[in-house]
Amino acid sequence: MKVKLEARVRRVIQAGNLALLTTEWSIVGTEPDGKPINLNGRGTVVLRSQFDGSWLMVIENPWELLNILSLTLTNMKGNVILKQPPS
């Protein structure tokens, strides 16, 4: 199977050592039998910063479940720090 995956970050929301990314992706190629593959979608990714400055992916949802939900981020005291309505 030969495929090409392309991904683009649409939005980043960072809160402390966590970041929520909204992405657009596409996969184009052919299956082993020659049948074409052409998939695309939007997804969400949660990253956590590491001590060395890099970021580690801790959750990936390639089907953009968060797009249909309201997003509310709170701090450790329960105070709302960001409220994002559905887009």
C-alpha atoms as a PDB file:
ATOM      1  CA  MET A   1       0.000   0.000   0.000  1.00  0.00           C
ATOM      2  CA  LYS A   2       1.291   3.454  -0.905  1.00  0.00           C
ATOM      3  CA  VAL A   3      -0.238   6.430   0.856  1.00  0.00           C
ATOM      4  CA  LYS A   4       0.619  10.049   1.538  1.00  0.00           C
ATOM      5  CA  LEU A   5      -0.588  11.653   4.761  1.00  0.00           C
ATOM      6  CA  GLU A   6      -0.791  15.430   4.993  1.00  0.00           C
ATOM      7  CA  ALA A   7      -1.871  17.305   8.111  1.00  0.00           C
ATOM      8  CA  ARG A   8      -2.282  20.991   8.893  1.00  0.00           C
ATOM      9  CA  VAL A   9      -2.831  22.625  12.278  1.00  0.00           C
ATOM     10  CA  ARG A  10      -5.858  24.937  12.174  1.00  0.00           C
ATOM     11  CA  ARG A  11      -5.889  26.182  15.770  1.00  0.00           C
ATOM     12  CA  VAL A  12      -3.914  25.828  18.998  1.00  0.00           C
ATOM     13  CA  ILE A  13      -5.278  26.469  22.484  1.00  0.00           C
ATOM     14  CA  GLN A  14      -2.644  26.240  25.215  1.00  0.00           C
ATOM     15  CA  ALA A  15      -3.263  26.070  28.959  1.00  0.00           C
ATOM     16  CA  GLY A  16      -0.120  25.576  31.029  1.00  0.00           C
ATOM     17  CA  ASN A  17       1.674  22.423  29.934  1.00  0.00           C
ATOM     18  CA  LEU A  18      -1.244  21.201  27.777  1.00  0.00           C
ATOM     19  CA  ALA A  19      -2.182  22.183  24.236  1.00  0.00           C
ATOM     20  CA  LEU A  20      -5.290  21.336  22.226  1.00  0.00           C
ATOM     21  CA  LEU A  21      -4.789  21.347  18.451  1.00  0.00           C
ATOM     22  CA  THR A  22      -7.485  21.290  15.795  1.00  0.00           C
ATOM     23  CA  THR A  23      -6.171  19.748  12.583  1.00  0.00           C
ATOM     24  CA  GLU A  24      -7.164  19.055   8.980  1.00  0.00           C
ATOM     25  CA  TRP A  25      -5.759  15.909   7.394  1.00  0.00           C
ATOM     26  CA  SER A  26      -5.874  13.947   4.159  1.00  0.00           C
ATOM     27  CA  ILE A  27      -4.680  10.526   3.053  1.00  0.00           C
ATOM     28  CA  VAL A  28      -4.251   9.856  -0.665  1.00  0.00           C
ATOM     29  CA  GLY A  29      -2.840   6.722  -2.237  1.00  0.00           C
ATOM     30  CA  THR A  30      -3.580   3.226  -3.455  1.00  0.00           C
ATOM     31  CA  GLU A  31      -4.362  -0.052  -1.740  1.00  0.00           C
ATOM     32  CA  PRO A  32      -2.302  -3.188  -2.583  1.00  0.00           C
ATOM     33  CA  ASP A  33      -4.924  -4.199  -5.192  1.00  0.00           C
ATOM     34  CA  GLY A  34      -4.623  -0.787  -6.901  1.00  0.00           C
ATOM     35  CA  LYS A  35      -7.884   0.622  -5.523  1.00  0.00           C
ATOM     36  CA  PRO A  36      -7.544   4.368  -4.825  1.00  0.00           C
ATOM     37  CA  ILE A  37      -7.638   5.755  -1.277  1.00  0.00           C
ATOM     38  CA  ASN A  38      -8.845   9.316  -0.736  1.00  0.00           C
ATOM     39  CA  LEU A  39      -9.769  10.198   2.857  1.00  0.00           C
ATOM     40  CA  ASN A  40      -9.883  13.547   4.613  1.00  0.00           C
ATOM     41  CA  GLY A  41     -11.198  15.008   7.813  1.00  0.00           C
ATOM     42  CA  ARG A  42     -10.651  17.190  10.822  1.00  0.00           C
ATOM     43  CA  GLY A  43      -9.351  16.053  14.159  1.00  0.00           C
ATOM     44  CA  THR A  44      -8.180  17.094  17.597  1.00  0.00           C
ATOM     45  CA  VAL A  45      -4.918  16.356  19.370  1.00  0.00           C
ATOM     46  CA  VAL A  46      -3.903  16.933  22.998  1.00  0.00           C
ATOM     47  CA  LEU A  47      -0.186  17.495  23.659  1.00  0.00           C
ATOM     48  CA  ARG A  48       1.719  17.741  26.958  1.00  0.00           C
ATOM     49  CA  SER A  49       4.995  19.668  27.230  1.00  0.00           C
ATOM     50  CA  GLN A  50       8.022  17.702  28.433  1.00  0.00           C
ATOM     51  CA  PHE A  51      10.938  18.771  30.638  1.00  0.00           C
ATOM     52  CA  ASP A  52      13.246  18.981  27.605  1.00  0.00           C
ATOM     53  CA  GLY A  53      10.917  21.457  25.820  1.00  0.00           C
ATOM     54  CA  SER A  54       9.425  18.922  23.401  1.00  0.00           C
ATOM     55  CA  TRP A  55       5.717  18.075  23.214  1.00  0.00           C
ATOM     56  CA  LEU A  56       4.261  14.562  23.630  1.00  0.00           C
ATOM     57  CA  MET A  57       0.951  13.557  22.023  1.00  0.00           C
ATOM     58  CA  VAL A  58      -1.277  12.119  24.769  1.00  0.00           C
ATOM     59  CA  ILE A  59      -4.651  11.961  22.950  1.00  0.00           C
ATOM     60  CA  GLU A  60      -5.510  11.930  19.248  1.00  0.00           C
ATOM     61  CA  ASN A  61      -9.031  11.996  17.852  1.00  0.00           C
ATOM     62  CA  PRO A  62      -8.946  12.079  14.029  1.00  0.00           C
ATOM     63  CA  TRP A  63     -12.729  12.508  13.708  1.00  0.00           C
ATOM     64  CA  GLU A  64     -13.208  15.959  15.355  1.00  0.00           C
ATOM     65  CA  LEU A  65     -15.673  15.023  18.062  1.00  0.00           C
ATOM     66  CA  LEU A  66     -14.921  18.323  19.808  1.00  0.00           C
ATOM     67  CA  ASN A  67     -16.285  20.267  16.834  1.00  0.00           C
ATOM     68  CA  ILE A  68     -19.859  19.378  17.847  1.00  0.00           C
ATOM     69  CA  LEU A  69     -19.381  20.071  21.549  1.00  0.00           C
ATOM     70  CA  SER A  70     -18.872  23.261  23.504  1.00  0.00           C
ATOM     71  CA  LEU A  71     -15.361  23.439  24.909  1.00  0.00           C
ATOM     72  CA  THR A  72     -14.786  24.868  28.373  1.00  0.00           C
ATOM     73  CA  LEU A  73     -11.345  24.898  30.002  1.00  0.00           C
ATOM     74  CA  THR A  74     -11.041  25.490  33.744  1.00  0.00           C
ATOM     75  CA  ASN A  75      -8.064  26.064  36.006  1.00  0.00           C
ATOM     76  CA  MET A  76      -7.234  23.987  39.113  1.00  0.00           C
ATOM     77  CA  LYS A  77      -9.643  26.123  41.194  1.00  0.00           C
ATOM     78  CA  GLY A  78     -12.527  25.413  38.825  1.00  0.00           C
ATOM     79  CA  ASN A  79     -12.585  28.911  37.319  1.00  0.00           C
ATOM     80  CA  VAL A  80     -13.440  29.058  33.605  1.00  0.00           C
ATOM     81  CA  ILE A  81     -10.424  30.273  31.633  1.00  0.00           C
ATOM     82  CA  LEU A  82     -11.747  29.675  28.107  1.00  0.00           C
ATOM     83  CA  LYS A  83     -15.198  28.951  26.721  1.00  0.00           C
ATOM     84  CA  GLN A  84     -15.447  28.009  23.041  1.00  0.00           C
ATOM     85  CA  PRO A  85     -18.887  27.539  21.467  1.00  0.00           C
ATOM     86  CA  PRO A  86     -19.300  24.984  18.657  1.00  0.00           C
ATOM     87  CA  SER A  87     -17.949  26.243  15.309  1.00  0.00           C
END
